[in-house]
Amino acid sequence: MQLNPLNPNLGLEIKDINLAALTDTDFEKVEDLFNQHMVLVFRDQKLSRDQHKAFAKRFGDIHIHPSHRGGMKGKGDDPELFVIDTPADSKITNGELWHSDVSCEVIPPLASLLYITETPDNGGGDTLFANMCTAFSEMSEELQNFLIGKTAVHDGEVDLANYNVRLRVGQEYPKASHPVIVAHPVTGKPILFVNPSFTSHIEGLKQWESKMILDGIHRFVATNARIQCRVNWQPNTLVMWDNRCVQHQAIRDYAGFPRYGERVSVVPSVQPKAFNP
């Protein structure tokens, strides 16, 4: 394997590896690198859907996206895939706001694995990622102590509203309460676990207080280049990120050009646990 860090705090590009024929030894190394770097970029992959899912299943059970449940009809005919199909004439695309994938689930995905096979001809469509462990560490001790022990509501309808989607009669979308500061189940590090796409409010605070704090956190994450890395997509690239401690944003700078990919996500066995110092 050729290993090229994307930046000191987040992200690693891995070359000369075939995810469709991964040995147990190589998988153990990949799993270790995943826990260290949180965002892994695999170039030049030729994966069938079954091979994509087989690699994902080595990390856990496949997550079924809410758009394929609760009376919803998601894109594509395979509920284990979240299809990201952006035609050239599309007005919107998935993930334009900073977010952690479906954090509104009672047990949100452990990891997401996005395989892009068609990239825009204008060279756009990069994805930004942010390290939420580092985001927490850069806060003042006073703010850290204030947020530890708090919980926040993550509401799927908040995200749907960003795309002007409203639930119809008989349709359901998840909603859950999670600690604002969670502990990473492998490293034990504290993670700032709120995002602008799904987090509606911090419980126990007045509405204006919650909005003031969340708006400040979201600006801090979005404008802090120290905690971010940027992935430039090329055809047949698979990117895997730790959804427990990483947020991401899909940059929509390719209007008029198509883009296609498929995402598989995996879920852990337990819901996020509060960090206790």
C-alpha atoms as a PDB file:
ATOM      1  CA  MET A   1       0.000   0.000   0.000  1.00  0.00           C
ATOM      2  CA  GLN A   2       1.067   3.558  -0.712  1.00  0.00           C
ATOM      3  CA  LEU A   3      -0.062   5.880   2.108  1.00  0.00           C
ATOM      4  CA  ASN A   4      -0.384   9.632   1.546  1.00  0.00           C
ATOM      5  CA  PRO A   5      -1.819  11.734   4.431  1.00  0.00           C
ATOM      6  CA  LEU A   6      -4.267  14.432   3.311  1.00  0.00           C
ATOM      7  CA  ASN A   7      -3.417  16.682   6.246  1.00  0.00           C
ATOM      8  CA  PRO A   8      -1.950  16.319   9.764  1.00  0.00           C
ATOM      9  CA  ASN A   9      -5.313  15.981  11.505  1.00  0.00           C
ATOM     10  CA  LEU A  10      -7.521  14.068   9.109  1.00  0.00           C
ATOM     11  CA  GLY A  11      -7.542  11.871   6.033  1.00  0.00           C
ATOM     12  CA  LEU A  12      -5.340   9.321   4.287  1.00  0.00           C
ATOM     13  CA  GLU A  13      -5.123   8.352   0.614  1.00  0.00           C
ATOM     14  CA  ILE A  14      -4.342   4.668   0.020  1.00  0.00           C
ATOM     15  CA  LYS A  15      -3.067   3.451  -3.331  1.00  0.00           C
ATOM     16  CA  ASP A  16      -2.045   0.043  -4.679  1.00  0.00           C
ATOM     17  CA  ILE A  17      -4.776  -1.876  -2.913  1.00  0.00           C
ATOM     18  CA  ASN A  18      -7.641  -3.920  -4.365  1.00  0.00           C
ATOM     19  CA  LEU A  19     -10.715  -3.746  -2.126  1.00  0.00           C
ATOM     20  CA  ALA A  20     -12.375  -6.505  -4.145  1.00  0.00           C
ATOM     21  CA  ALA A  21      -9.666  -8.998  -3.118  1.00  0.00           C
ATOM     22  CA  LEU A  22      -8.582  -7.871   0.329  1.00  0.00           C
ATOM     23  CA  THR A  23      -6.639 -10.328   2.478  1.00  0.00           C
ATOM     24  CA  ASP A  24      -7.371 -10.588   6.194  1.00  0.00           C
ATOM     25  CA  THR A  25      -3.957  -9.087   6.950  1.00  0.00           C
ATOM     26  CA  ASP A  26      -4.582  -6.104   4.681  1.00  0.00           C
ATOM     27  CA  PHE A  27      -8.062  -5.635   6.143  1.00  0.00           C
ATOM     28  CA  GLU A  28      -6.638  -5.460   9.669  1.00  0.00           C
ATOM     29  CA  LYS A  29      -4.236  -2.767   8.488  1.00  0.00           C
ATOM     30  CA  VAL A  30      -7.044  -0.847   6.767  1.00  0.00           C
ATOM     31  CA  GLU A  31      -9.182  -1.057   9.909  1.00  0.00           C
ATOM     32  CA  ASP A  32      -6.314   0.299  12.008  1.00  0.00           C
ATOM     33  CA  LEU A  33      -5.709   3.145   9.533  1.00  0.00           C
ATOM     34  CA  PHE A  34      -9.436   3.921   9.586  1.00  0.00           C
ATOM     35  CA  ASN A  35      -9.410   4.354  13.363  1.00  0.00           C
ATOM     36  CA  GLN A  36      -6.312   6.567  13.118  1.00  0.00           C
ATOM     37  CA  HIS A  37      -7.181   8.794  10.153  1.00  0.00           C
ATOM     38  CA  MET A  38     -11.020   8.658  10.065  1.00  0.00           C
ATOM     39  CA  VAL A  39     -11.215   9.375   6.308  1.00  0.00           C
ATOM     40  CA  LEU A  40      -9.720   6.854   3.869  1.00  0.00           C
ATOM     41  CA  VAL A  41      -9.497   7.491   0.122  1.00  0.00           C
ATOM     42  CA  PHE A  42      -9.082   4.453  -2.152  1.00  0.00           C
ATOM     43  CA  ARG A  43      -8.220   5.240  -5.786  1.00  0.00           C
ATOM     44  CA  ASP A  44      -8.614   3.127  -8.936  1.00  0.00           C
ATOM     45  CA  GLN A  45     -11.160   0.637  -7.618  1.00  0.00           C
ATOM     46  CA  LYS A  46     -13.284  -1.551  -9.873  1.00  0.00           C
ATOM     47  CA  LEU A  47     -16.128  -2.720  -7.668  1.00  0.00           C
ATOM     48  CA  SER A  48     -19.407  -4.413  -8.404  1.00  0.00           C
ATOM     49  CA  ARG A  49     -22.271  -3.646  -6.059  1.00  0.00           C
ATOM     50  CA  ASP A  50     -21.766  -6.973  -4.314  1.00  0.00           C
ATOM     51  CA  GLN A  51     -18.036  -6.267  -3.845  1.00  0.00           C
ATOM     52  CA  HIS A  52     -18.803  -2.784  -2.514  1.00  0.00           C
ATOM     53  CA  LYS A  53     -21.203  -4.259   0.022  1.00  0.00           C
ATOM     54  CA  ALA A  54     -18.890  -7.137   0.899  1.00  0.00           C
ATOM     55  CA  PHE A  55     -16.132  -4.718   1.867  1.00  0.00           C
ATOM     56  CA  ALA A  56     -18.584  -2.688   3.954  1.00  0.00           C
ATOM     57  CA  LYS A  57     -19.873  -5.795   5.736  1.00  0.00           C
ATOM     58  CA  ARG A  58     -16.419  -6.458   7.148  1.00  0.00           C
ATOM     59  CA  PHE A  59     -17.026  -3.437   9.399  1.00  0.00           C
ATOM     60  CA  GLY A  60     -20.610  -4.189  10.444  1.00  0.00           C
ATOM     61  CA  ASP A  61     -24.199  -4.722   9.375  1.00  0.00           C
ATOM     62  CA  ILE A  62     -25.427  -2.663   6.437  1.00  0.00           C
ATOM     63  CA  HIS A  63     -27.619   0.308   7.304  1.00  0.00           C
ATOM     64  CA  ILE A  64     -30.923   0.755   5.483  1.00  0.00           C
ATOM     65  CA  HIS A  65     -31.394   4.474   4.829  1.00  0.00           C
ATOM     66  CA  PRO A  66     -34.667   6.022   6.108  1.00  0.00           C
ATOM     67  CA  SER A  67     -35.570   6.926   2.518  1.00  0.00           C
ATOM     68  CA  HIS A  68     -36.102   3.179   1.975  1.00  0.00           C
ATOM     69  CA  ARG A  69     -38.207   2.746   5.130  1.00  0.00           C
ATOM     70  CA  GLY A  70     -41.314   4.169   6.764  1.00  0.00           C
ATOM     71  CA  GLY A  71     -43.346   4.427   3.593  1.00  0.00           C
ATOM     72  CA  MET A  72     -40.565   6.248   1.722  1.00  0.00           C
ATOM     73  CA  LYS A  73     -39.318   5.264  -1.737  1.00  0.00           C
ATOM     74  CA  GLY A  74     -35.614   5.977  -2.127  1.00  0.00           C
ATOM     75  CA  LYS A  75     -33.654   6.053  -5.361  1.00  0.00           C
ATOM     76  CA  GLY A  76     -32.693   2.735  -6.880  1.00  0.00           C
ATOM     77  CA  ASP A  77     -33.964  -0.809  -6.460  1.00  0.00           C
ATOM     78  CA  ASP A  78     -31.535  -1.918  -3.733  1.00  0.00           C
ATOM     79  CA  PRO A  79     -32.383  -0.681  -0.211  1.00  0.00           C
ATOM     80  CA  GLU A  80     -28.820  -1.375   0.951  1.00  0.00           C
ATOM     81  CA  LEU A  81     -27.568   1.353  -1.398  1.00  0.00           C
ATOM     82  CA  PHE A  82     -28.061   5.084  -1.074  1.00  0.00           C
ATOM     83  CA  VAL A  83     -27.875   6.330  -4.657  1.00  0.00           C
ATOM     84  CA  ILE A  84     -26.390   9.772  -5.286  1.00  0.00           C
ATOM     85  CA  ASP A  85     -27.452  10.518  -8.834  1.00  0.00           C
ATOM     86  CA  THR A  86     -27.125  14.175  -9.815  1.00  0.00           C
ATOM     87  CA  PRO A  87     -28.160  14.810 -13.437  1.00  0.00           C
ATOM     88  CA  ALA A  88     -26.710  17.770 -15.316  1.00  0.00           C
ATOM     89  CA  ASP A  89     -29.968  19.731 -14.976  1.00  0.00           C
ATOM     90  CA  SER A  90     -30.462  19.062 -11.257  1.00  0.00           C
ATOM     91  CA  LYS A  91     -31.080  22.118  -9.066  1.00  0.00           C
ATOM     92  CA  ILE A  92     -29.904  20.446  -5.838  1.00  0.00           C
ATOM     93  CA  THR A  93     -27.799  17.523  -4.707  1.00  0.00           C
ATOM     94  CA  ASN A  94     -27.305  15.519  -1.525  1.00  0.00           C
ATOM     95  CA  GLY A  95     -25.220  16.771   1.364  1.00  0.00           C
ATOM     96  CA  GLU A  96     -24.696  20.434   0.517  1.00  0.00           C
ATOM     97  CA  LEU A  97     -24.825  21.372   4.211  1.00  0.00           C
ATOM     98  CA  TRP A  98     -22.341  20.141   6.810  1.00  0.00           C
ATOM     99  CA  HIS A  99     -23.681  16.955   8.361  1.00  0.00           C
ATOM    100  CA  SER A 100     -23.101  13.571   9.895  1.00  0.00           C
ATOM    101  CA  ASP A 101     -25.027  10.956   7.913  1.00  0.00           C
ATOM    102  CA  VAL A 102     -28.538  10.443   9.336  1.00  0.00           C
ATOM    103  CA  SER A 103     -27.544  11.368  12.887  1.00  0.00           C
ATOM    104  CA  CYS A 104     -31.310  11.391  13.502  1.00  0.00           C
ATOM    105  CA  GLU A 105     -31.209   7.587  13.803  1.00  0.00           C
ATOM    106  CA  VAL A 106     -31.314   6.099  17.310  1.00  0.00           C
ATOM    107  CA  ILE A 107     -28.159   4.250  16.237  1.00  0.00           C
ATOM    108  CA  PRO A 108     -26.502   6.350  13.511  1.00  0.00           C
ATOM    109  CA  PRO A 109     -24.123   4.733  11.010  1.00  0.00           C
ATOM    110  CA  LEU A 110     -20.642   3.828  12.177  1.00  0.00           C
ATOM    111  CA  ALA A 111     -19.173   4.474   8.739  1.00  0.00           C
ATOM    112  CA  SER A 112     -20.167   5.457   5.236  1.00  0.00           C
ATOM    113  CA  LEU A 113     -18.484   4.136   2.097  1.00  0.00           C
ATOM    114  CA  LEU A 114     -19.184   6.216  -1.005  1.00  0.00           C
ATOM    115  CA  TYR A 115     -18.115   4.861  -4.395  1.00  0.00           C
ATOM    116  CA  ILE A 116     -18.120   7.480  -7.148  1.00  0.00           C
ATOM    117  CA  THR A 117     -17.998   6.191 -10.725  1.00  0.00           C
ATOM    118  CA  GLU A 118     -18.892   9.371 -12.635  1.00  0.00           C
ATOM    119  CA  THR A 119     -17.381  12.752 -11.788  1.00  0.00           C
ATOM    120  CA  PRO A 120     -18.267  16.155 -13.286  1.00  0.00           C
ATOM    121  CA  ASP A 121     -16.303  17.066 -16.399  1.00  0.00           C
ATOM    122  CA  ASN A 122     -15.588  20.532 -14.977  1.00  0.00           C
ATOM    123  CA  GLY A 123     -13.509  19.021 -12.153  1.00  0.00           C
ATOM    124  CA  GLY A 124     -15.936  20.030  -9.381  1.00  0.00           C
ATOM    125  CA  GLY A 125     -17.709  17.988  -6.760  1.00  0.00           C
ATOM    126  CA  ASP A 126     -15.067  17.811  -4.009  1.00  0.00           C
ATOM    127  CA  THR A 127     -16.096  16.835  -0.482  1.00  0.00           C
ATOM    128  CA  LEU A 128     -14.932  18.576   2.691  1.00  0.00           C
ATOM    129  CA  PHE A 129     -14.529  16.605   5.927  1.00  0.00           C
ATOM    130  CA  ALA A 130     -14.139  17.921   9.485  1.00  0.00           C
ATOM    131  CA  ASN A 131     -12.597  16.174  12.499  1.00  0.00           C
ATOM    132  CA  MET A 132     -15.073  16.624  15.358  1.00  0.00           C
ATOM    133  CA  CYS A 133     -12.632  15.260  17.943  1.00  0.00           C
ATOM    134  CA  THR A 134     -10.249  18.106  17.121  1.00  0.00           C
ATOM    135  CA  ALA A 135     -13.174  20.538  17.043  1.00  0.00           C
ATOM    136  CA  PHE A 136     -13.953  19.649  20.661  1.00  0.00           C
ATOM    137  CA  SER A 137     -10.300  19.901  21.699  1.00  0.00           C
ATOM    138  CA  GLU A 138     -10.046  23.459  20.330  1.00  0.00           C
ATOM    139  CA  MET A 139     -12.913  24.704  22.510  1.00  0.00           C
ATOM    140  CA  SER A 140     -12.263  26.472  25.786  1.00  0.00           C
ATOM    141  CA  GLU A 141     -12.411  24.309  28.885  1.00  0.00           C
ATOM    142  CA  GLU A 142     -15.388  26.359  30.083  1.00  0.00           C
ATOM    143  CA  LEU A 143     -17.404  25.586  26.947  1.00  0.00           C
ATOM    144  CA  GLN A 144     -16.337  21.935  26.992  1.00  0.00           C
ATOM    145  CA  ASN A 145     -17.551  21.552  30.572  1.00  0.00           C
ATOM    146  CA  PHE A 146     -20.831  23.290  29.736  1.00  0.00           C
ATOM    147  CA  LEU A 147     -21.567  20.951  26.811  1.00  0.00           C
ATOM    148  CA  ILE A 148     -20.545  17.702  28.532  1.00  0.00           C
ATOM    149  CA  GLY A 149     -23.681  16.122  29.936  1.00  0.00           C
ATOM    150  CA  LYS A 150     -26.032  18.001  27.570  1.00  0.00           C
ATOM    151  CA  THR A 151     -28.213  16.215  25.016  1.00  0.00           C
ATOM    152  CA  ALA A 152     -29.530  17.416  21.670  1.00  0.00           C
ATOM    153  CA  VAL A 153     -32.407  16.386  19.440  1.00  0.00           C
ATOM    154  CA  HIS A 154     -31.566  15.197  15.921  1.00  0.00           C
ATOM    155  CA  ASP A 155     -34.648  15.384  13.711  1.00  0.00           C
ATOM    156  CA  GLY A 156     -34.775  13.928  10.196  1.00  0.00           C
ATOM    157  CA  GLU A 157     -37.515  16.348   9.197  1.00  0.00           C
ATOM    158  CA  VAL A 158     -35.056  19.225   9.702  1.00  0.00           C
ATOM    159  CA  ASP A 159     -32.900  17.751   6.954  1.00  0.00           C
ATOM    160  CA  LEU A 160     -35.852  17.004   4.691  1.00  0.00           C
ATOM    161  CA  ALA A 161     -36.921  20.640   4.947  1.00  0.00           C
ATOM    162  CA  ASN A 162     -33.548  21.649   3.477  1.00  0.00           C
ATOM    163  CA  TYR A 163     -34.689  19.939   0.273  1.00  0.00           C
ATOM    164  CA  ASN A 164     -38.281  21.230   0.485  1.00  0.00           C
ATOM    165  CA  VAL A 165     -39.527  17.729   1.286  1.00  0.00           C
ATOM    166  CA  ARG A 166     -42.435  17.206   3.653  1.00  0.00           C
ATOM    167  CA  LEU A 167     -43.639  13.866   4.908  1.00  0.00           C
ATOM    168  CA  ARG A 168     -46.941  12.646   3.558  1.00  0.00           C
ATOM    169  CA  VAL A 169     -49.538  10.739   5.521  1.00  0.00           C
ATOM    170  CA  GLY A 170     -48.146   7.320   6.354  1.00  0.00           C
ATOM    171  CA  GLN A 171     -44.504   8.315   5.936  1.00  0.00           C
ATOM    172  CA  GLU A 172     -42.029   8.362   8.824  1.00  0.00           C
ATOM    173  CA  TYR A 173     -38.498   9.649   9.354  1.00  0.00           C
ATOM    174  CA  PRO A 174     -36.293   9.085  12.416  1.00  0.00           C
ATOM    175  CA  LYS A 175     -35.828  11.424  15.360  1.00  0.00           C
ATOM    176  CA  ALA A 176     -33.501  10.799  18.298  1.00  0.00           C
ATOM    177  CA  SER A 177     -31.765  12.442  21.240  1.00  0.00           C
ATOM    178  CA  HIS A 178     -27.981  12.086  21.532  1.00  0.00           C
ATOM    179  CA  PRO A 179     -25.296  13.426  23.888  1.00  0.00           C
ATOM    180  CA  VAL A 180     -23.771  16.644  22.603  1.00  0.00           C
ATOM    181  CA  ILE A 181     -20.364  15.226  23.519  1.00  0.00           C
ATOM    182  CA  VAL A 182     -20.031  11.509  22.827  1.00  0.00           C
ATOM    183  CA  ALA A 183     -17.126   9.144  23.441  1.00  0.00           C
ATOM    184  CA  HIS A 184     -15.544   7.380  20.491  1.00  0.00           C
ATOM    185  CA  PRO A 185     -16.121   3.666  21.164  1.00  0.00           C
ATOM    186  CA  VAL A 186     -12.613   2.691  19.987  1.00  0.00           C
ATOM    187  CA  THR A 187     -10.330   5.579  20.951  1.00  0.00           C
ATOM    188  CA  GLY A 188     -12.376   6.937  23.878  1.00  0.00           C
ATOM    189  CA  LYS A 189     -11.834  10.493  22.609  1.00  0.00           C
ATOM    190  CA  PRO A 190     -14.571  13.104  23.143  1.00  0.00           C
ATOM    191  CA  ILE A 191     -16.494  14.051  19.991  1.00  0.00           C
ATOM    192  CA  LEU A 192     -18.610  17.123  19.323  1.00  0.00           C
ATOM    193  CA  PHE A 193     -21.757  15.464  17.986  1.00  0.00           C
ATOM    194  CA  VAL A 194     -24.068  18.164  16.599  1.00  0.00           C
ATOM    195  CA  ASN A 195     -24.539  19.283  12.997  1.00  0.00           C
ATOM    196  CA  PRO A 196     -26.635  21.856  11.104  1.00  0.00           C
ATOM    197  CA  SER A 197     -28.474  19.352   8.900  1.00  0.00           C
ATOM    198  CA  PHE A 198     -30.106  17.294  11.650  1.00  0.00           C
ATOM    199  CA  THR A 199     -29.646  18.885  15.098  1.00  0.00           C
ATOM    200  CA  SER A 200     -32.757  20.893  15.962  1.00  0.00           C
ATOM    201  CA  HIS A 201     -31.931  22.035  19.512  1.00  0.00           C
ATOM    202  CA  ILE A 202     -30.029  21.370  22.729  1.00  0.00           C
ATOM    203  CA  GLU A 203     -32.383  20.046  25.345  1.00  0.00           C
ATOM    204  CA  GLY A 204     -32.866  21.936  28.604  1.00  0.00           C
ATOM    205  CA  LEU A 205     -32.029  25.364  27.127  1.00  0.00           C
ATOM    206  CA  LYS A 206     -34.279  28.138  25.932  1.00  0.00           C
ATOM    207  CA  GLN A 207     -34.728  28.202  22.175  1.00  0.00           C
ATOM    208  CA  TRP A 208     -32.652  31.342  21.673  1.00  0.00           C
ATOM    209  CA  GLU A 209     -29.893  29.976  23.899  1.00  0.00           C
ATOM    210  CA  SER A 210     -29.741  26.723  21.967  1.00  0.00           C
ATOM    211  CA  LYS A 211     -29.733  28.528  18.619  1.00  0.00           C
ATOM    212  CA  MET A 212     -26.952  30.876  19.733  1.00  0.00           C
ATOM    213  CA  ILE A 213     -24.705  28.003  20.819  1.00  0.00           C
ATOM    214  CA  LEU A 214     -25.438  25.743  17.848  1.00  0.00           C
ATOM    215  CA  ASP A 215     -25.023  28.544  15.303  1.00  0.00           C
ATOM    216  CA  GLY A 216     -21.667  29.408  16.853  1.00  0.00           C
ATOM    217  CA  ILE A 217     -20.511  25.777  16.781  1.00  0.00           C
ATOM    218  CA  HIS A 218     -21.589  25.336  13.165  1.00  0.00           C
ATOM    219  CA  ARG A 219     -19.725  28.485  12.057  1.00  0.00           C
ATOM    220  CA  PHE A 220     -16.642  27.345  13.973  1.00  0.00           C
ATOM    221  CA  VAL A 221     -16.630  23.962  12.218  1.00  0.00           C
ATOM    222  CA  ALA A 222     -17.374  25.324   8.741  1.00  0.00           C
ATOM    223  CA  THR A 223     -14.673  28.015   8.860  1.00  0.00           C
ATOM    224  CA  ASN A 224     -11.906  26.137  10.698  1.00  0.00           C
ATOM    225  CA  ALA A 225      -9.485  24.841   8.048  1.00  0.00           C
ATOM    226  CA  ARG A 226      -7.257  23.315  10.741  1.00  0.00           C
ATOM    227  CA  ILE A 227      -9.744  20.525  11.385  1.00  0.00           C
ATOM    228  CA  GLN A 228     -10.671  19.881   7.752  1.00  0.00           C
ATOM    229  CA  CYS A 229      -9.443  17.934   4.754  1.00  0.00           C
ATOM    230  CA  ARG A 230     -10.664  18.102   1.163  1.00  0.00           C
ATOM    231  CA  VAL A 231     -11.121  15.095  -1.115  1.00  0.00           C
ATOM    232  CA  ASN A 232     -10.980  15.521  -4.879  1.00  0.00           C
ATOM    233  CA  TRP A 233     -12.992  12.784  -6.524  1.00  0.00           C
ATOM    234  CA  GLN A 234     -11.805  10.833  -9.537  1.00  0.00           C
ATOM    235  CA  PRO A 235     -13.801   8.106 -11.309  1.00  0.00           C
ATOM    236  CA  ASN A 236     -13.745   4.779  -9.463  1.00  0.00           C
ATOM    237  CA  THR A 237     -12.757   6.275  -6.120  1.00  0.00           C
ATOM    238  CA  LEU A 238     -14.162   4.913  -2.853  1.00  0.00           C
ATOM    239  CA  VAL A 239     -14.023   7.124   0.227  1.00  0.00           C
ATOM    240  CA  MET A 240     -14.789   5.724   3.663  1.00  0.00           C
ATOM    241  CA  TRP A 241     -15.291   7.963   6.687  1.00  0.00           C
ATOM    242  CA  ASP A 242     -15.940   7.486  10.388  1.00  0.00           C
ATOM    243  CA  ASN A 243     -19.449   8.872  10.709  1.00  0.00           C
ATOM    244  CA  ARG A 244     -19.151   8.875  14.510  1.00  0.00           C
ATOM    245  CA  CYS A 245     -16.504  11.608  14.588  1.00  0.00           C
ATOM    246  CA  VAL A 246     -16.460  13.214  11.134  1.00  0.00           C
ATOM    247  CA  GLN A 247     -18.797  15.660   9.451  1.00  0.00           C
ATOM    248  CA  HIS A 248     -18.754  16.332   5.720  1.00  0.00           C
ATOM    249  CA  GLN A 249     -20.062  18.711   3.092  1.00  0.00           C
ATOM    250  CA  ALA A 250     -20.554  18.015  -0.622  1.00  0.00           C
ATOM    251  CA  ILE A 251     -19.453  21.048  -2.617  1.00  0.00           C
ATOM    252  CA  ARG A 252     -21.961  21.899  -5.329  1.00  0.00           C
ATOM    253  CA  ASP A 253     -19.751  23.646  -7.887  1.00  0.00           C
ATOM    254  CA  TYR A 254     -20.628  21.542 -10.913  1.00  0.00           C
ATOM    255  CA  ALA A 255     -24.057  22.781 -12.026  1.00  0.00           C
ATOM    256  CA  GLY A 256     -24.667  21.615 -15.583  1.00  0.00           C
ATOM    257  CA  PHE A 257     -22.561  18.460 -15.211  1.00  0.00           C
ATOM    258  CA  PRO A 258     -23.681  14.995 -14.044  1.00  0.00           C
ATOM    259  CA  ARG A 259     -22.279  13.066 -11.092  1.00  0.00           C
ATOM    260  CA  TYR A 260     -23.054   9.516  -9.954  1.00  0.00           C
ATOM    261  CA  GLY A 261     -22.162   7.415  -6.940  1.00  0.00           C
ATOM    262  CA  GLU A 262     -23.516   4.813  -4.539  1.00  0.00           C
ATOM    263  CA  ARG A 263     -23.087   4.774  -0.779  1.00  0.00           C
ATOM    264  CA  VAL A 264     -23.165   1.859   1.604  1.00  0.00           C
ATOM    265  CA  SER A 265     -23.237   2.547   5.345  1.00  0.00           C
ATOM    266  CA  VAL A 266     -22.717   0.224   8.285  1.00  0.00           C
ATOM    267  CA  VAL A 267     -24.166   0.447  11.781  1.00  0.00           C
ATOM    268  CA  PRO A 268     -22.687  -0.350  15.193  1.00  0.00           C
ATOM    269  CA  SER A 269     -24.511  -2.450  17.764  1.00  0.00           C
ATOM    270  CA  VAL A 270     -25.014   0.338  20.316  1.00  0.00           C
ATOM    271  CA  GLN A 271     -26.123   3.971  20.217  1.00  0.00           C
ATOM    272  CA  PRO A 272     -23.726   6.852  20.970  1.00  0.00           C
ATOM    273  CA  LYS A 273     -22.535   7.005  24.592  1.00  0.00           C
ATOM    274  CA  ALA A 274     -21.944  10.228  26.509  1.00  0.00           C
ATOM    275  CA  PHE A 275     -18.336  11.206  27.196  1.00  0.00           C
ATOM    276  CA  ASN A 276     -17.491  11.191  30.887  1.00  0.00           C
ATOM    277  CA  PRO A 277     -14.191  12.918  31.770  1.00  0.00           C
END
